[in-house]
């Protein structure tokens, strides 16, 4: 499956779904993106939209800079080894003073989600 761009806004809490496939099987991904002001950090959670199971809970958005930094790779053992996809945070344009998304600059980043870690 090709990578999908996740829709972003500057709202401090965002929820959206993506009907996709992982390892050749249909998967309804439900995302919750939140800004946590106490730590000046955006976090993302992922649910299996069909079963309602929480797969990934509040993973901080850390930007991939010059390296592959799949934020969901540590969770590839989930769903009976089928994983829960791959997620990258990429900066659009020049790097500013903050290396990772913060309160007022989420629109300067791109979130890519897809299925790329098929190691069979």
Protein backbone atom coordinates (compact mmCIF):
# COMPACT_ATOMS: atom_id res chain seq x y z
CA UNK A 1 0.00 0.00 0.00
CA UNK A 2 1.32 3.47 -0.75
CA UNK A 3 1.84 5.83 2.13
CA UNK A 4 -1.08 8.07 3.09
CA UNK A 5 -0.82 11.68 4.23
CA UNK A 6 -2.69 12.16 7.48
CA UNK A 7 -4.79 15.35 7.60
CA UNK A 8 -3.48 17.90 10.10
CA UNK A 9 -4.73 21.17 11.49
CA UNK A 10 -3.66 23.40 14.38
CA UNK A 11 -6.54 22.21 16.60
CA UNK A 12 -5.17 20.89 19.93
CA UNK A 13 -7.16 17.65 19.55
CA UNK A 14 -7.82 15.93 16.25
CA UNK A 15 -9.45 12.62 15.40
CA UNK A 16 -9.70 10.95 12.01
CA UNK A 17 -10.02 7.53 10.39
CA UNK A 18 -8.30 5.91 7.44
CA UNK A 19 -9.64 2.84 5.64
CA UNK A 20 -6.51 1.09 4.43
CA UNK A 21 -4.78 -2.30 4.33
CA UNK A 22 -1.95 -3.75 6.39
CA UNK A 23 -0.20 -6.93 5.24
CA UNK A 24 -2.79 -7.30 2.50
CA UNK A 25 -5.76 -7.24 4.90
CA UNK A 26 -8.29 -4.46 5.34
CA UNK A 27 -7.66 -2.22 8.33
CA UNK A 28 -9.70 0.68 9.64
CA UNK A 29 -7.26 2.95 11.46
CA UNK A 30 -8.63 5.48 13.94
CA UNK A 31 -6.18 8.17 15.02
CA UNK A 32 -6.28 10.62 17.92
CA UNK A 33 -3.76 13.45 17.81
CA UNK A 34 -3.38 15.69 20.87
CA UNK A 35 -1.24 18.54 22.01
CA UNK A 36 -0.05 18.25 25.62
CA UNK A 37 0.81 21.79 26.82
CA UNK A 38 2.56 20.63 30.01
CA UNK A 39 5.34 19.07 27.93
CA UNK A 40 4.90 21.16 24.73
CA UNK A 41 4.51 17.97 22.72
CA UNK A 42 2.10 16.42 20.22
CA UNK A 43 1.21 12.74 20.76
CA UNK A 44 -0.67 10.28 18.60
CA UNK A 45 -2.76 7.22 19.47
CA UNK A 46 -4.03 4.52 17.12
CA UNK A 47 -7.05 2.25 17.47
CA UNK A 48 -8.23 -0.66 15.37
CA UNK A 49 -11.44 0.96 14.19
CA UNK A 50 -13.17 -2.37 13.63
CA UNK A 51 -12.54 -3.93 17.04
CA UNK A 52 -12.09 -0.73 19.04
CA UNK A 53 -8.78 -2.04 20.44
CA UNK A 54 -6.23 0.60 21.43
CA UNK A 55 -2.98 -0.36 19.69
CA UNK A 56 -0.67 2.61 20.28
CA UNK A 57 -1.18 5.11 23.08
CA UNK A 58 0.21 8.65 23.08
CA UNK A 59 3.45 8.18 21.14
CA UNK A 60 5.30 11.54 20.93
CA UNK A 61 5.68 12.97 17.43
CA UNK A 62 9.42 12.98 16.77
CA UNK A 63 10.61 14.26 13.41
CA UNK A 64 12.62 12.04 11.05
CA UNK A 65 15.64 14.08 10.02
CA UNK A 66 17.99 12.36 7.61
CA UNK A 67 17.08 8.91 8.91
CA UNK A 68 14.17 6.51 8.84
CA UNK A 69 12.34 6.97 12.14
CA UNK A 70 9.22 4.81 12.05
CA UNK A 71 7.37 5.72 15.25
CA UNK A 72 5.18 2.59 15.04
CA UNK A 73 7.99 0.09 14.40
CA UNK A 74 8.21 -0.95 18.10
CA UNK A 75 4.60 -2.12 17.82
CA UNK A 76 5.05 -4.51 14.88
CA UNK A 77 4.36 -7.49 17.19
CA UNK A 78 0.75 -6.36 17.70
CA UNK A 79 -2.27 -7.85 15.95
CA UNK A 80 -0.73 -11.35 16.01
CA UNK A 81 2.48 -10.14 14.37
CA UNK A 82 0.72 -8.17 11.61
CA UNK A 83 1.80 -4.87 13.12
CA UNK A 84 -0.06 -1.59 13.04
CA UNK A 85 1.60 0.13 10.10
CA UNK A 86 4.40 2.65 9.89
CA UNK A 87 4.32 6.33 10.85
CA UNK A 88 6.83 9.03 9.92
CA UNK A 89 6.89 12.70 10.88
CA UNK A 90 8.61 14.82 8.23
CA UNK A 91 9.37 18.54 8.25
CA UNK A 92 8.19 20.56 5.25
CA UNK A 93 10.82 23.10 4.25
CA UNK A 94 13.63 24.55 6.32
CA UNK A 95 14.16 23.42 9.87
CA UNK A 96 13.17 26.10 12.36
CA UNK A 97 14.28 26.58 15.95
CA UNK A 98 12.16 23.63 17.15
CA UNK A 99 13.09 20.24 15.76
CA UNK A 100 9.81 18.51 16.55
CA UNK A 101 6.20 19.68 16.26
CA UNK A 102 5.14 22.08 19.02
CA UNK A 103 2.02 24.07 19.85
CA UNK A 104 1.87 26.43 16.87
CA UNK A 105 3.86 24.72 14.14
CA UNK A 106 2.17 21.38 13.39
CA UNK A 107 1.25 22.61 9.89
CA UNK A 108 4.98 22.71 9.05
CA UNK A 109 5.12 18.90 9.29
CA UNK A 110 3.74 15.95 7.34
CA UNK A 111 2.55 12.68 8.87
CA UNK A 112 2.89 9.64 6.60
CA UNK A 113 1.15 6.37 7.49
CA UNK A 114 1.26 3.08 5.63
CA UNK A 115 2.32 -0.55 5.48
CA UNK A 116 5.99 -1.00 4.69
CA UNK A 117 7.49 -3.39 7.26
CA UNK A 118 6.58 -6.76 5.81
CA UNK A 119 9.59 -8.84 6.87
CA UNK A 120 8.27 -12.26 5.82
